[in-house]
C-alpha atoms as a PDB file:
ATOM      1  CA  UNK A   1     -36.135  20.041 -20.920  1.00  0.00           C
ATOM      2  CA  UNK A   2     -36.516  23.611 -22.084  1.00  0.00           C
ATOM      3  CA  UNK A   3     -39.099  25.164 -24.351  1.00  0.00           C
ATOM      4  CA  UNK A   4     -38.758  28.665 -25.778  1.00  0.00           C
ATOM      5  CA  UNK A   5     -41.457  30.570 -27.640  1.00  0.00           C
ATOM      6  CA  UNK A   6     -40.582  33.728 -29.535  1.00  0.00           C
ATOM      7  CA  UNK A   7     -43.576  36.045 -29.666  1.00  0.00           C
ATOM      8  CA  UNK A   8     -43.557  39.469 -31.354  1.00  0.00           C
ATOM      9  CA  UNK A   9     -41.411  41.681 -29.100  1.00  0.00           C
ATOM     10  CA  UNK A  10     -41.021  39.055 -26.403  1.00  0.00           C
ATOM     11  CA  UNK A  11     -40.197  35.508 -25.459  1.00  0.00           C
ATOM     12  CA  UNK A  12     -41.438  32.902 -23.025  1.00  0.00           C
ATOM     13  CA  UNK A  13     -39.087  30.241 -21.686  1.00  0.00           C
ATOM     14  CA  UNK A  14     -39.998  27.172 -19.648  1.00  0.00           C
ATOM     15  CA  UNK A  15     -37.088  25.231 -18.139  1.00  0.00           C
ATOM     16  CA  UNK A  16     -37.663  22.006 -16.245  1.00  0.00           C
ATOM     17  CA  UNK A  17     -35.607  19.804 -13.962  1.00  0.00           C
ATOM     18  CA  UNK A  18     -37.623  16.616 -13.684  1.00  0.00           C
ATOM     19  CA  UNK A  19     -35.276  15.024 -11.146  1.00  0.00           C
ATOM     20  CA  UNK A  20     -36.014  17.924  -8.751  1.00  0.00           C
ATOM     21  CA  UNK A  21     -39.691  18.307  -9.710  1.00  0.00           C
ATOM     22  CA  UNK A  22     -38.840  21.939 -10.450  1.00  0.00           C
ATOM     23  CA  UNK A  23     -39.467  24.344 -13.290  1.00  0.00           C
ATOM     24  CA  UNK A  24     -38.927  28.009 -14.079  1.00  0.00           C
ATOM     25  CA  UNK A  25     -41.098  30.102 -16.341  1.00  0.00           C
ATOM     26  CA  UNK A  26     -39.748  33.350 -17.756  1.00  0.00           C
ATOM     27  CA  UNK A  27     -42.015  35.799 -19.569  1.00  0.00           C
ATOM     28  CA  UNK A  28     -40.023  38.676 -21.091  1.00  0.00           C
ATOM     29  CA  UNK A  29     -41.796  41.485 -22.900  1.00  0.00           C
ATOM     30  CA  UNK A  30     -40.648  44.663 -24.587  1.00  0.00           C
ATOM     31  CA  UNK A  31     -43.904  46.092 -25.887  1.00  0.00           C
ATOM     32  CA  UNK A  32     -45.516  49.082 -24.200  1.00  0.00           C
ATOM     33  CA  UNK A  33     -48.938  47.431 -24.089  1.00  0.00           C
ATOM     34  CA  UNK A  34     -47.817  43.892 -23.261  1.00  0.00           C
ATOM     35  CA  UNK A  35     -49.082  42.132 -20.143  1.00  0.00           C
ATOM     36  CA  UNK A  36     -46.506  39.566 -18.981  1.00  0.00           C
ATOM     37  CA  UNK A  37     -48.414  38.807 -15.774  1.00  0.00           C
ATOM     38  CA  UNK A  38     -51.466  37.796 -17.779  1.00  0.00           C
ATOM     39  CA  UNK A  39     -49.357  35.383 -19.836  1.00  0.00           C
ATOM     40  CA  UNK A  40     -47.675  34.019 -16.719  1.00  0.00           C
ATOM     41  CA  UNK A  41     -50.990  33.495 -14.923  1.00  0.00           C
ATOM     42  CA  UNK A  42     -52.477  31.746 -17.957  1.00  0.00           C
ATOM     43  CA  UNK A  43     -49.571  29.315 -18.287  1.00  0.00           C
ATOM     44  CA  UNK A  44     -49.568  28.580 -14.543  1.00  0.00           C
ATOM     45  CA  UNK A  45     -53.316  27.887 -14.671  1.00  0.00           C
ATOM     46  CA  UNK A  46     -52.770  25.342 -17.450  1.00  0.00           C
ATOM     47  CA  UNK A  47     -49.806  23.628 -15.752  1.00  0.00           C
ATOM     48  CA  UNK A  48     -51.545  23.473 -12.344  1.00  0.00           C
ATOM     49  CA  UNK A  49     -48.425  23.319 -10.153  1.00  0.00           C
ATOM     50  CA  UNK A  50     -48.780  22.404  -6.476  1.00  0.00           C
ATOM     51  CA  UNK A  51     -47.165  25.734  -5.607  1.00  0.00           C
ATOM     52  CA  UNK A  52     -45.401  28.587  -7.342  1.00  0.00           C
ATOM     53  CA  UNK A  53     -43.781  31.963  -6.759  1.00  0.00           C
ATOM     54  CA  UNK A  54     -43.663  34.904  -9.092  1.00  0.00           C
ATOM     55  CA  UNK A  55     -41.172  37.735  -9.310  1.00  0.00           C
ATOM     56  CA  UNK A  56     -41.516  40.876 -11.401  1.00  0.00           C
ATOM     57  CA  UNK A  57     -38.690  43.072 -12.642  1.00  0.00           C
ATOM     58  CA  UNK A  58     -39.450  46.310 -14.507  1.00  0.00           C
ATOM     59  CA  UNK A  59     -36.524  47.023 -16.794  1.00  0.00           C
ATOM     60  CA  UNK A  60     -38.075  49.979 -18.592  1.00  0.00           C
ATOM     61  CA  UNK A  61     -35.905  52.629 -16.981  1.00  0.00           C
END
């Protein structure tokens, strides 16, 4: 299952693979004052996964 939320200058996508007990969460932002890590941390806190990894890519340049 996948869920995509379009928010102002950004989007958040959650993709799940139930058979593998695996999910990915993508938080893409374009705004100068946006805080994707804050959004990511909030969603992770609500989902309460057993473990997770995060990766950050700055595409501003």
